Amino acid sequence: MASNPYPDSTLDPRGGDRDRPGQGPDEIVPGRSDEIEPGRTPDEISPDQGDFDRPDSSPMESPPQPDAPRDHLAIDPASEHFDEAVLKRGVGIRFKGAVRTNIEEYSISEGWVRVQAGKSLDRRGRPLTIKLSGPVEAWFEDLGEGAPVAKAN
């Protein structure tokens, strides 16, 4: 480990402050929410105490799906907006009044879609995309005709 280039500084090279104990990156500060009282396990703490977030249903049950798709959705699994359960239901997209089937990602509130730019790929092998602006509407195809449509207000 390299020595501290500023020996007169009160800052610790590990990220903490030498003058204030409990401020380093790996030190436990009393009262932090991830700290458990001595002698208690996470199973002994009731959900109403707020120390641990526990789902109300078992992990095998999926939460009920709303009737309209969410505002932002992507088909790329690496994206933070990817949702496999929603995509399995089938999402229809209407962009500028035309039903489109080549949408890679969309945002209803921001009014844009991303479509693949031909057969071009980036250096990681993913398709190059173009962002197009305009009114976007989305609906679940599994609900059939008359399905609720999510669109910008």
Protein backbone atom coordinates (compact mmCIF):
# COMPACT_ATOMS: atom_id res chain seq x y z
CA MET A 1 0.00 0.00 0.00
CA ALA A 2 1.32 3.45 -0.89
CA SER A 3 1.99 5.89 1.89
CA ASN A 4 -0.16 8.96 2.37
CA PRO A 5 1.24 11.73 0.10
CA TYR A 6 -0.18 14.34 2.50
CA PRO A 7 1.18 13.39 5.95
CA ASP A 8 -0.17 16.53 7.62
CA SER A 9 -3.71 15.84 6.40
CA THR A 10 -6.30 14.41 8.76
CA LEU A 11 -7.83 12.33 5.96
CA ASP A 12 -7.13 8.64 6.13
CA PRO A 13 -6.04 7.13 2.76
CA ARG A 14 -8.70 4.40 3.24
CA GLY A 15 -11.43 7.01 2.85
CA GLY A 16 -12.19 7.79 6.49
CA ASP A 17 -11.35 10.64 8.83
CA ARG A 18 -8.72 9.88 11.52
CA ASP A 19 -10.14 12.46 13.90
CA ARG A 20 -13.66 11.04 13.87
CA PRO A 21 -13.93 7.33 14.72
CA GLY A 22 -16.51 5.26 12.91
CA GLN A 23 -16.21 7.16 9.64
CA GLY A 24 -14.10 4.67 7.64
CA PRO A 25 -15.62 2.69 4.81
CA ASP A 26 -15.59 -0.63 6.70
CA GLU A 27 -16.41 0.57 10.19
CA ILE A 28 -19.81 0.10 11.82
CA VAL A 29 -21.53 3.27 12.95
CA PRO A 30 -24.02 2.84 15.82
CA GLY A 31 -27.60 3.35 14.72
CA ARG A 32 -27.13 2.31 11.09
CA SER A 33 -30.13 0.52 9.65
CA ASP A 34 -28.13 -2.58 8.66
CA GLU A 35 -26.94 -3.18 12.22
CA ILE A 36 -28.65 -5.91 14.27
CA GLU A 37 -28.89 -5.77 18.04
CA PRO A 38 -26.51 -8.20 19.78
CA GLY A 39 -28.05 -11.63 20.35
CA ARG A 40 -30.81 -11.16 17.72
CA THR A 41 -31.03 -12.68 14.29
CA PRO A 42 -32.81 -11.15 11.29
CA ASP A 43 -35.58 -13.76 11.70
CA GLU A 44 -36.40 -12.47 15.20
CA ILE A 45 -37.07 -8.91 14.03
CA SER A 46 -40.69 -8.28 13.13
CA PRO A 47 -41.54 -6.63 9.79
CA ASP A 48 -43.25 -3.71 11.53
CA GLN A 49 -39.92 -2.65 13.06
CA GLY A 50 -38.73 -1.64 9.61
CA ASP A 51 -35.27 -3.20 9.89
CA PHE A 52 -35.75 -5.62 7.02
CA ASP A 53 -37.85 -5.45 3.89
CA ARG A 54 -39.72 -8.70 3.42
CA PRO A 55 -42.15 -9.45 0.63
CA ASP A 56 -45.69 -10.18 1.73
CA SER A 57 -46.00 -13.09 -0.69
CA SER A 58 -43.81 -16.10 -1.29
CA PRO A 59 -41.13 -15.81 -3.98
CA MET A 60 -42.97 -18.32 -6.18
CA GLU A 61 -46.00 -16.02 -6.53
CA SER A 62 -45.65 -13.22 -9.04
CA PRO A 63 -47.17 -9.83 -8.22
CA PRO A 64 -50.34 -8.92 -10.08
CA GLN A 65 -49.65 -7.23 -13.41
CA PRO A 66 -51.30 -3.89 -14.20
CA ASP A 67 -53.52 -3.67 -17.29
CA ALA A 68 -51.19 -1.25 -19.12
CA PRO A 69 -47.42 -1.63 -19.68
CA ARG A 70 -45.03 0.53 -17.75
CA ASP A 71 -43.68 3.86 -18.96
CA HIS A 72 -40.18 2.71 -19.99
CA LEU A 73 -39.31 -0.76 -21.28
CA ALA A 74 -36.33 -2.30 -23.11
CA ILE A 75 -35.76 -5.71 -24.71
CA ASP A 76 -32.02 -5.76 -23.92
CA PRO A 77 -31.40 -7.95 -20.80
CA ALA A 78 -28.44 -5.73 -19.81
CA SER A 79 -30.71 -2.65 -19.54
CA GLU A 80 -32.13 -1.51 -16.21
CA HIS A 81 -35.51 -1.16 -17.95
CA PHE A 82 -35.66 -4.83 -18.99
CA ASP A 83 -38.56 -6.85 -17.54
CA GLU A 84 -38.92 -10.42 -18.77
CA ALA A 85 -42.38 -10.97 -17.25
CA VAL A 86 -43.81 -7.95 -19.08
CA LEU A 87 -42.19 -8.94 -22.37
CA LYS A 88 -43.60 -12.48 -22.12
CA ARG A 89 -47.10 -11.01 -22.06
CA GLY A 90 -46.43 -9.26 -25.38
CA VAL A 91 -46.36 -5.48 -25.66
CA GLY A 92 -47.84 -3.69 -28.66
CA ILE A 93 -46.33 -0.32 -29.60
CA ARG A 94 -47.89 2.43 -31.69
CA PHE A 95 -45.44 5.17 -32.70
CA LYS A 96 -46.73 8.26 -34.56
CA GLY A 97 -50.00 6.45 -35.25
CA ALA A 98 -48.44 3.31 -36.81
CA VAL A 99 -48.11 -0.06 -35.08
CA ARG A 100 -44.39 -0.93 -34.91
CA THR A 101 -42.82 -4.33 -34.27
CA ASN A 102 -39.12 -3.37 -34.44
CA ILE A 103 -38.87 -1.33 -31.22
CA GLU A 104 -35.81 -2.04 -29.03
CA GLU A 105 -36.76 0.37 -26.21
CA TYR A 106 -39.42 3.02 -25.57
CA SER A 107 -40.38 5.76 -23.13
CA ILE A 108 -43.98 6.94 -23.18
CA SER A 109 -43.57 10.01 -20.94
CA GLU A 110 -40.48 11.26 -22.78
CA GLY A 111 -42.00 10.49 -26.20
CA TRP A 112 -39.30 8.41 -27.90
CA VAL A 113 -38.49 4.94 -29.18
CA ARG A 114 -35.22 3.23 -30.11
CA VAL A 115 -35.13 1.17 -33.29
CA GLN A 116 -32.33 -0.87 -34.82
CA ALA A 117 -30.29 0.98 -37.46
CA GLY A 118 -30.18 -1.64 -40.22
CA LYS A 119 -27.92 -4.62 -39.61
CA SER A 120 -25.08 -2.59 -38.09
CA LEU A 121 -23.54 -3.84 -34.85
CA ASP A 122 -21.40 -2.09 -32.28
CA ARG A 123 -18.02 -3.43 -31.13
CA ARG A 124 -19.72 -5.66 -28.55
CA GLY A 125 -22.04 -7.27 -31.10
CA ARG A 126 -25.17 -5.40 -30.05
CA PRO A 127 -27.32 -3.70 -32.69
CA LEU A 128 -26.81 0.02 -33.27
CA THR A 129 -29.99 1.94 -32.49
CA ILE A 130 -31.51 5.26 -33.44
CA LYS A 131 -33.67 7.30 -31.07
CA LEU A 132 -36.83 8.63 -32.74
CA SER A 133 -39.09 11.24 -31.10
CA GLY A 134 -42.86 11.31 -31.30
CA PRO A 135 -46.03 10.16 -29.53
CA VAL A 136 -45.77 6.60 -28.14
CA GLU A 137 -48.62 4.30 -27.04
CA ALA A 138 -48.24 0.83 -25.50
CA TRP A 139 -50.64 -1.98 -24.58
CA PHE A 140 -50.56 -5.66 -23.63
CA GLU A 141 -51.32 -7.86 -26.62
CA ASP A 142 -52.57 -10.74 -24.46
CA LEU A 143 -55.62 -8.68 -23.46
CA GLY A 144 -56.88 -8.63 -27.07
CA GLU A 145 -58.96 -5.88 -28.65
CA GLY A 146 -59.99 -3.00 -26.41
CA ALA A 147 -56.96 -3.40 -24.11
CA PRO A 148 -56.08 -0.34 -21.97
CA VAL A 149 -53.49 1.80 -23.75
CA ALA A 150 -50.70 3.62 -21.91
CA LYS A 151 -49.97 6.97 -23.52
CA ALA A 152 -48.58 10.36 -22.53
CA ASN A 153 -51.03 12.92 -21.19
